C-alpha atoms as a PDB file:
ATOM      1  CA  UNK A   1     104.000  41.964  99.018  1.00  0.00           C
ATOM      2  CA  UNK A   2     102.509  45.243 100.165  1.00  0.00           C
ATOM      3  CA  UNK A   3     101.851  47.670  97.391  1.00  0.00           C
ATOM      4  CA  UNK A   4     103.227  51.204  97.917  1.00  0.00           C
ATOM      5  CA  UNK A   5     100.551  53.786  98.631  1.00  0.00           C
ATOM      6  CA  UNK A   6      99.277  55.643  95.609  1.00  0.00           C
ATOM      7  CA  UNK A   7     100.958  58.985  95.137  1.00  0.00           C
ATOM      8  CA  UNK A   8      98.641  61.940  95.356  1.00  0.00           C
ATOM      9  CA  UNK A   9      98.812  64.556  92.697  1.00  0.00           C
ATOM     10  CA  UNK A  10      99.530  68.042  93.926  1.00  0.00           C
ATOM     11  CA  UNK A  11      96.369  70.136  93.804  1.00  0.00           C
ATOM     12  CA  UNK A  12      96.150  72.266  90.688  1.00  0.00           C
ATOM     13  CA  UNK A  13      96.117  76.031  90.770  1.00  0.00           C
ATOM     14  CA  UNK A  14      92.823  77.840  90.954  1.00  0.00           C
ATOM     15  CA  UNK A  15      92.078  80.319  88.189  1.00  0.00           C
ATOM     16  CA  UNK A  16      92.891  83.208  90.519  1.00  0.00           C
ATOM     17  CA  UNK A  17      96.205  81.632  91.535  1.00  0.00           C
ATOM     18  CA  UNK A  18      97.094  81.053  87.887  1.00  0.00           C
ATOM     19  CA  UNK A  19      96.205  84.640  87.016  1.00  0.00           C
ATOM     20  CA  UNK A  20      98.334  85.964  89.883  1.00  0.00           C
ATOM     21  CA  UNK A  21     101.287  83.815  88.773  1.00  0.00           C
ATOM     22  CA  UNK A  22     101.014  85.025  85.187  1.00  0.00           C
ATOM     23  CA  UNK A  23     100.747  88.674  86.247  1.00  0.00           C
ATOM     24  CA  UNK A  24     103.807  88.327  88.516  1.00  0.00           C
ATOM     25  CA  UNK A  25     105.811  86.991  85.577  1.00  0.00           C
ATOM     26  CA  UNK A  26     104.411  89.561  83.135  1.00  0.00           C
ATOM     27  CA  UNK A  27     104.906  92.726  85.209  1.00  0.00           C
ATOM     28  CA  UNK A  28     108.681  93.122  84.647  1.00  0.00           C
ATOM     29  CA  UNK A  29     108.177  92.466  80.936  1.00  0.00           C
ATOM     30  CA  UNK A  30     105.364  95.016  80.676  1.00  0.00           C
ATOM     31  CA  UNK A  31     107.548  97.566  82.492  1.00  0.00           C
ATOM     32  CA  UNK A  32     110.290  96.914  79.910  1.00  0.00           C
ATOM     33  CA  UNK A  33     108.386  96.417  76.663  1.00  0.00           C
ATOM     34  CA  UNK A  34     104.974  97.958  77.310  1.00  0.00           C
ATOM     35  CA  UNK A  35     102.202  96.691  75.052  1.00  0.00           C
ATOM     36  CA  UNK A  36     104.816  95.286  72.658  1.00  0.00           C
ATOM     37  CA  UNK A  37     105.388  92.338  74.995  1.00  0.00           C
ATOM     38  CA  UNK A  38     104.050  89.113  73.512  1.00  0.00           C
ATOM     39  CA  UNK A  39     102.150  86.346  75.229  1.00  0.00           C
ATOM     40  CA  UNK A  40     104.933  83.994  74.129  1.00  0.00           C
ATOM     41  CA  UNK A  41     107.422  86.052  76.165  1.00  0.00           C
ATOM     42  CA  UNK A  42     105.082  86.042  79.150  1.00  0.00           C
ATOM     43  CA  UNK A  43     104.614  82.282  78.909  1.00  0.00           C
ATOM     44  CA  UNK A  44     108.364  81.682  78.841  1.00  0.00           C
ATOM     45  CA  UNK A  45     108.872  83.933  81.861  1.00  0.00           C
ATOM     46  CA  UNK A  46     106.118  82.107  83.758  1.00  0.00           C
ATOM     47  CA  UNK A  47     107.369  78.665  82.727  1.00  0.00           C
ATOM     48  CA  UNK A  48     104.035  77.693  81.189  1.00  0.00           C
ATOM     49  CA  UNK A  49     102.588  77.005  77.767  1.00  0.00           C
ATOM     50  CA  UNK A  50     101.187  79.974  75.896  1.00  0.00           C
ATOM     51  CA  UNK A  51      97.739  78.356  75.799  1.00  0.00           C
ATOM     52  CA  UNK A  52      97.654  78.414  79.617  1.00  0.00           C
ATOM     53  CA  UNK A  53      97.527  82.200  79.507  1.00  0.00           C
ATOM     54  CA  UNK A  54      94.289  82.045  77.538  1.00  0.00           C
ATOM     55  CA  UNK A  55      92.709  79.704  80.047  1.00  0.00           C
ATOM     56  CA  UNK A  56      93.150  82.425  82.655  1.00  0.00           C
ATOM     57  CA  UNK A  57      92.682  85.570  80.534  1.00  0.00           C
ATOM     58  CA  UNK A  58      90.500  86.372  77.542  1.00  0.00           C
ATOM     59  CA  UNK A  59      93.324  87.961  75.577  1.00  0.00           C
ATOM     60  CA  UNK A  60      96.532  89.930  75.972  1.00  0.00           C
ATOM     61  CA  UNK A  61      94.586  93.132  76.572  1.00  0.00           C
ATOM     62  CA  UNK A  62      93.172  91.599  79.727  1.00  0.00           C
ATOM     63  CA  UNK A  63      96.674  90.546  80.827  1.00  0.00           C
ATOM     64  CA  UNK A  64      97.885  94.127  80.378  1.00  0.00           C
ATOM     65  CA  UNK A  65      94.900  95.440  82.333  1.00  0.00           C
ATOM     66  CA  UNK A  66      95.605  92.991  85.166  1.00  0.00           C
ATOM     67  CA  UNK A  67      99.268  94.058  85.217  1.00  0.00           C
ATOM     68  CA  UNK A  68      98.244  97.716  85.395  1.00  0.00           C
ATOM     69  CA  UNK A  69      95.840  96.983  88.251  1.00  0.00           C
ATOM     70  CA  UNK A  70      98.505  95.036  90.127  1.00  0.00           C
ATOM     71  CA  UNK A  71     101.131  97.760  89.686  1.00  0.00           C
ATOM     72  CA  UNK A  72      98.690 100.342  91.041  1.00  0.00           C
ATOM     73  CA  UNK A  73      97.336  98.152  93.844  1.00  0.00           C
ATOM     74  CA  UNK A  74      97.907 100.193  97.030  1.00  0.00           C
ATOM     75  CA  UNK A  75      97.438  97.236  99.356  1.00  0.00           C
ATOM     76  CA  UNK A  76     101.042  96.117  98.894  1.00  0.00           C
ATOM     77  CA  UNK A  77     102.552  99.385 100.093  1.00  0.00           C
ATOM     78  CA  UNK A  78      99.930  99.700 102.822  1.00  0.00           C
ATOM     79  CA  UNK A  79     101.018  96.322 104.202  1.00  0.00           C
ATOM     80  CA  UNK A  80     104.632  97.474 104.118  1.00  0.00           C
ATOM     81  CA  UNK A  81     103.740 100.630 106.021  1.00  0.00           C
ATOM     82  CA  UNK A  82     101.814  98.605 108.608  1.00  0.00           C
ATOM     83  CA  UNK A  83     104.854  96.359 109.145  1.00  0.00           C
ATOM     84  CA  UNK A  84     107.195  99.233 110.120  1.00  0.00           C
ATOM     85  CA  UNK A  85     108.063  99.023 113.814  1.00  0.00           C
ATOM     86  CA  UNK A  86     106.794 101.873 115.971  1.00  0.00           C
ATOM     87  CA  UNK A  87     109.694 101.237 118.359  1.00  0.00           C
ATOM     88  CA  UNK A  88     112.080 102.981 115.960  1.00  0.00           C
ATOM     89  CA  UNK A  89     112.765 106.731 116.064  1.00  0.00           C
ATOM     90  CA  UNK A  90     110.331 108.787 113.992  1.00  0.00           C
ATOM     91  CA  UNK A  91     112.952 109.640 111.357  1.00  0.00           C
ATOM     92  CA  UNK A  92     113.739 105.958 110.804  1.00  0.00           C
ATOM     93  CA  UNK A  93     110.048 105.084 110.549  1.00  0.00           C
ATOM     94  CA  UNK A  94     109.455 107.767 107.955  1.00  0.00           C
ATOM     95  CA  UNK A  95     112.594 106.829 106.023  1.00  0.00           C
ATOM     96  CA  UNK A  96     111.317 103.269 105.686  1.00  0.00           C
ATOM     97  CA  UNK A  97     107.933 104.645 104.661  1.00  0.00           C
ATOM     98  CA  UNK A  98     109.542 106.874 102.026  1.00  0.00           C
ATOM     99  CA  UNK A  99     111.484 103.927 100.609  1.00  0.00           C
ATOM    100  CA  UNK A 100     108.328 101.791 100.404  1.00  0.00           C
ATOM    101  CA  UNK A 101     106.277 104.572  98.831  1.00  0.00           C
ATOM    102  CA  UNK A 102     109.014 105.432  96.337  1.00  0.00           C
ATOM    103  CA  UNK A 103     109.304 101.793  95.221  1.00  0.00           C
ATOM    104  CA  UNK A 104     105.531 101.574  94.793  1.00  0.00           C
ATOM    105  CA  UNK A 105     105.292 104.814  92.799  1.00  0.00           C
ATOM    106  CA  UNK A 106     108.312 103.924  90.684  1.00  0.00           C
ATOM    107  CA  UNK A 107     106.742 100.600  89.723  1.00  0.00           C
ATOM    108  CA  UNK A 108     103.481 102.341  88.868  1.00  0.00           C
ATOM    109  CA  UNK A 109     105.315 104.848  86.707  1.00  0.00           C
ATOM    110  CA  UNK A 110     107.404 102.214  84.941  1.00  0.00           C
ATOM    111  CA  UNK A 111     104.368 100.163  83.907  1.00  0.00           C
ATOM    112  CA  UNK A 112     102.194 103.140  82.936  1.00  0.00           C
ATOM    113  CA  UNK A 113     105.071 104.854  81.126  1.00  0.00           C
ATOM    114  CA  UNK A 114     106.034 101.760  79.139  1.00  0.00           C
ATOM    115  CA  UNK A 115     102.438 101.157  78.063  1.00  0.00           C
ATOM    116  CA  UNK A 116     102.012 104.790  77.019  1.00  0.00           C
ATOM    117  CA  UNK A 117     105.339 104.855  75.152  1.00  0.00           C
ATOM    118  CA  UNK A 118     104.352 101.740  73.203  1.00  0.00           C
ATOM    119  CA  UNK A 119     101.134 103.406  72.045  1.00  0.00           C
ATOM    120  CA  UNK A 120      98.789 101.466  74.298  1.00  0.00           C
ATOM    121  CA  UNK A 121      95.405 103.031  74.900  1.00  0.00           C
ATOM    122  CA  UNK A 122      93.160 101.253  77.364  1.00  0.00           C
ATOM    123  CA  UNK A 123      89.985 102.716  75.884  1.00  0.00           C
ATOM    124  CA  UNK A 124      90.557 101.303  72.426  1.00  0.00           C
ATOM    125  CA  UNK A 125      88.918  98.120  71.236  1.00  0.00           C
ATOM    126  CA  UNK A 126      91.302  95.300  72.118  1.00  0.00           C
ATOM    127  CA  UNK A 127      92.543  93.105  69.330  1.00  0.00           C
ATOM    128  CA  UNK A 128      95.186  90.537  68.747  1.00  0.00           C
ATOM    129  CA  UNK A 129      98.682  91.977  68.652  1.00  0.00           C
ATOM    130  CA  UNK A 130     101.476  90.711  66.379  1.00  0.00           C
ATOM    131  CA  UNK A 131     103.275  87.788  67.967  1.00  0.00           C
ATOM    132  CA  UNK A 132     100.252  86.766  70.025  1.00  0.00           C
ATOM    133  CA  UNK A 133      97.982  83.822  69.525  1.00  0.00           C
ATOM    134  CA  UNK A 134      94.456  83.962  70.896  1.00  0.00           C
ATOM    135  CA  UNK A 135      92.782  80.642  70.054  1.00  0.00           C
ATOM    136  CA  UNK A 136      89.182  80.958  68.966  1.00  0.00           C
ATOM    137  CA  UNK A 137      89.092  84.739  69.252  1.00  0.00           C
ATOM    138  CA  UNK A 138      88.934  87.443  66.646  1.00  0.00           C
ATOM    139  CA  UNK A 139      90.020  91.077  66.978  1.00  0.00           C
ATOM    140  CA  UNK A 140      87.437  93.378  68.478  1.00  0.00           C
ATOM    141  CA  UNK A 141      85.295  90.660  70.096  1.00  0.00           C
ATOM    142  CA  UNK A 142      85.174  92.539  73.392  1.00  0.00           C
ATOM    143  CA  UNK A 143      82.984  95.516  74.096  1.00  0.00           C
ATOM    144  CA  UNK A 144      85.056  98.709  74.344  1.00  0.00           C
ATOM    145  CA  UNK A 145      84.901 100.530  77.658  1.00  0.00           C
ATOM    146  CA  UNK A 146      86.726 100.814  80.898  1.00  0.00           C
ATOM    147  CA  UNK A 147      89.284  98.063  81.231  1.00  0.00           C
ATOM    148  CA  UNK A 148      89.881  96.072  84.435  1.00  0.00           C
ATOM    149  CA  UNK A 149      93.021  98.143  84.967  1.00  0.00           C
ATOM    150  CA  UNK A 150      91.066 101.347  85.447  1.00  0.00           C
ATOM    151  CA  UNK A 151      90.000 102.411  88.924  1.00  0.00           C
ATOM    152  CA  UNK A 152      87.120 104.825  89.519  1.00  0.00           C
ATOM    153  CA  UNK A 153      87.885 108.107  91.260  1.00  0.00           C
ATOM    154  CA  UNK A 154      86.211 107.073  94.522  1.00  0.00           C
ATOM    155  CA  UNK A 155      88.415 103.969  94.642  1.00  0.00           C
ATOM    156  CA  UNK A 156      91.548 106.067  94.170  1.00  0.00           C
ATOM    157  CA  UNK A 157      90.431 108.459  96.887  1.00  0.00           C
ATOM    158  CA  UNK A 158      89.747 105.579  99.268  1.00  0.00           C
ATOM    159  CA  UNK A 159      93.203 104.142  98.545  1.00  0.00           C
ATOM    160  CA  UNK A 160      94.815 107.522  99.195  1.00  0.00           C
ATOM    161  CA  UNK A 161      92.942 107.891 102.480  1.00  0.00           C
ATOM    162  CA  UNK A 162      94.046 104.424 103.583  1.00  0.00           C
ATOM    163  CA  UNK A 163      97.659 105.227 102.725  1.00  0.00           C
ATOM    164  CA  UNK A 164      97.481 108.549 104.561  1.00  0.00           C
ATOM    165  CA  UNK A 165      95.936 106.805 107.574  1.00  0.00           C
ATOM    166  CA  UNK A 166      98.776 104.259 107.593  1.00  0.00           C
ATOM    167  CA  UNK A 167     101.325 107.086 107.564  1.00  0.00           C
ATOM    168  CA  UNK A 168      99.429 108.903 110.310  1.00  0.00           C
ATOM    169  CA  UNK A 169      99.741 105.810 112.513  1.00  0.00           C
ATOM    170  CA  UNK A 170     103.503 105.873 111.992  1.00  0.00           C
ATOM    171  CA  UNK A 171     103.681 109.495 113.150  1.00  0.00           C
ATOM    172  CA  UNK A 172     101.135 109.288 115.987  1.00  0.00           C
ATOM    173  CA  UNK A 173     103.542 108.113 118.755  1.00  0.00           C
ATOM    174  CA  UNK A 174     105.423 111.425 118.414  1.00  0.00           C
ATOM    175  CA  UNK A 175     102.371 113.689 118.408  1.00  0.00           C
ATOM    176  CA  UNK A 176     103.518 115.595 121.513  1.00  0.00           C
ATOM    177  CA  UNK A 177     106.864 116.489 119.914  1.00  0.00           C
ATOM    178  CA  UNK A 178     105.373 117.885 116.700  1.00  0.00           C
ATOM    179  CA  UNK A 179     104.161 121.389 115.840  1.00  0.00           C
ATOM    180  CA  UNK A 180     101.566 119.892 113.481  1.00  0.00           C
ATOM    181  CA  UNK A 181      99.096 117.047 114.047  1.00  0.00           C
ATOM    182  CA  UNK A 182     100.166 113.644 112.674  1.00  0.00           C
ATOM    183  CA  UNK A 183      97.409 113.771 110.047  1.00  0.00           C
ATOM    184  CA  UNK A 184      98.867 116.968 108.630  1.00  0.00           C
ATOM    185  CA  UNK A 185     102.408 115.599 108.705  1.00  0.00           C
ATOM    186  CA  UNK A 186     101.224 112.535 106.765  1.00  0.00           C
ATOM    187  CA  UNK A 187      99.548 114.734 104.136  1.00  0.00           C
ATOM    188  CA  UNK A 188     102.659 116.902 103.732  1.00  0.00           C
ATOM    189  CA  UNK A 189     104.815 113.765 103.501  1.00  0.00           C
ATOM    190  CA  UNK A 190     102.712 112.466 100.611  1.00  0.00           C
ATOM    191  CA  UNK A 191     102.561 115.850  98.882  1.00  0.00           C
ATOM    192  CA  UNK A 192     106.325 116.319  99.037  1.00  0.00           C
ATOM    193  CA  UNK A 193     106.996 112.765  97.881  1.00  0.00           C
ATOM    194  CA  UNK A 194     104.614 112.922  94.918  1.00  0.00           C
ATOM    195  CA  UNK A 195     105.970 116.309  93.868  1.00  0.00           C
ATOM    196  CA  UNK A 196     109.581 115.195  94.110  1.00  0.00           C
ATOM    197  CA  UNK A 197     109.030 112.038  92.067  1.00  0.00           C
ATOM    198  CA  UNK A 198     106.856 113.735  89.459  1.00  0.00           C
ATOM    199  CA  UNK A 199     108.705 117.016  88.940  1.00  0.00           C
ATOM    200  CA  UNK A 200     112.176 116.409  90.360  1.00  0.00           C
ATOM    201  CA  UNK A 201     115.058 117.068  88.000  1.00  0.00           C
ATOM    202  CA  UNK A 202     117.122 114.047  87.028  1.00  0.00           C
ATOM    203  CA  UNK A 203     119.831 113.454  89.609  1.00  0.00           C
ATOM    204  CA  UNK A 204     118.421 116.096  91.959  1.00  0.00           C
ATOM    205  CA  UNK A 205     116.043 113.931  93.956  1.00  0.00           C
ATOM    206  CA  UNK A 206     116.771 113.572  97.652  1.00  0.00           C
ATOM    207  CA  UNK A 207     117.400 110.144  99.082  1.00  0.00           C
ATOM    208  CA  UNK A 208     114.772 108.976 101.607  1.00  0.00           C
ATOM    209  CA  UNK A 209     116.816 109.957 104.665  1.00  0.00           C
ATOM    210  CA  UNK A 210     117.474 113.466 103.304  1.00  0.00           C
ATOM    211  CA  UNK A 211     113.840 113.796 102.299  1.00  0.00           C
ATOM    212  CA  UNK A 212     112.692 112.919 105.833  1.00  0.00           C
ATOM    213  CA  UNK A 213     115.265 115.252 107.394  1.00  0.00           C
ATOM    214  CA  UNK A 214     113.885 118.182 105.361  1.00  0.00           C
ATOM    215  CA  UNK A 215     110.326 117.196 106.274  1.00  0.00           C
ATOM    216  CA  UNK A 216     111.054 117.106 110.000  1.00  0.00           C
ATOM    217  CA  UNK A 217     113.673 119.863 110.358  1.00  0.00           C
ATOM    218  CA  UNK A 218     113.372 122.077 107.287  1.00  0.00           C
ATOM    219  CA  UNK A 219     116.347 123.577 105.482  1.00  0.00           C
ATOM    220  CA  UNK A 220     117.354 126.333 107.908  1.00  0.00           C
ATOM    221  CA  UNK A 221     120.533 125.789 109.883  1.00  0.00           C
ATOM    222  CA  UNK A 222     118.608 126.729 113.021  1.00  0.00           C
ATOM    223  CA  UNK A 223     114.963 125.632 112.722  1.00  0.00           C
ATOM    224  CA  UNK A 224     112.647 128.489 113.687  1.00  0.00           C
ATOM    225  CA  UNK A 225     115.183 131.136 112.636  1.00  0.00           C
ATOM    226  CA  UNK A 226     114.404 133.648 109.889  1.00  0.00           C
ATOM    227  CA  UNK A 227     117.993 133.705 108.649  1.00  0.00           C
END
């Protein structure tokens, strides 16, 4: 009788894959609870044992820093911008871009706001929070300093340039129809979007299509008219 072939075990996750999976499960919880989220909650959301978290991260502080870094990672929105079809009319391209940028900035704000509201300070010495279990670790066993969630200024500037370049590429096909160069249109687009999301009154923000219409055509009934 022929024996059935031995079943191969599925390859285990690498540390980076496990970290990414944990962060994906933790992000919505961090946006909701801030630093008050527990590693037990994160483990349940990820469908893993709590001890697995501490095989991928030193402590909860490092999980929070990784979530902050992921929420602020500009590569996600840059990929979305690069995927927008240039065959569409300019207004449609920019509307899709506005939707992608708004989602990215909203997620950033939700995570940062929840952490701030819960009293989290990334420059404090990390320690074990109530409801968390960090096997073999005692509070304050990490050196205080910049956490992995912080990005230096030159990194932020590089990310902003890359985002502006991606927007410029979306505008470039219509260069001949514009009064301003695509680079300038991209900069104004970002300035208007950031201002609207940061300072806009509740309920007064324009939807992406209206936002793009104002960007391209202004608010005058007859563009170019003084009245």
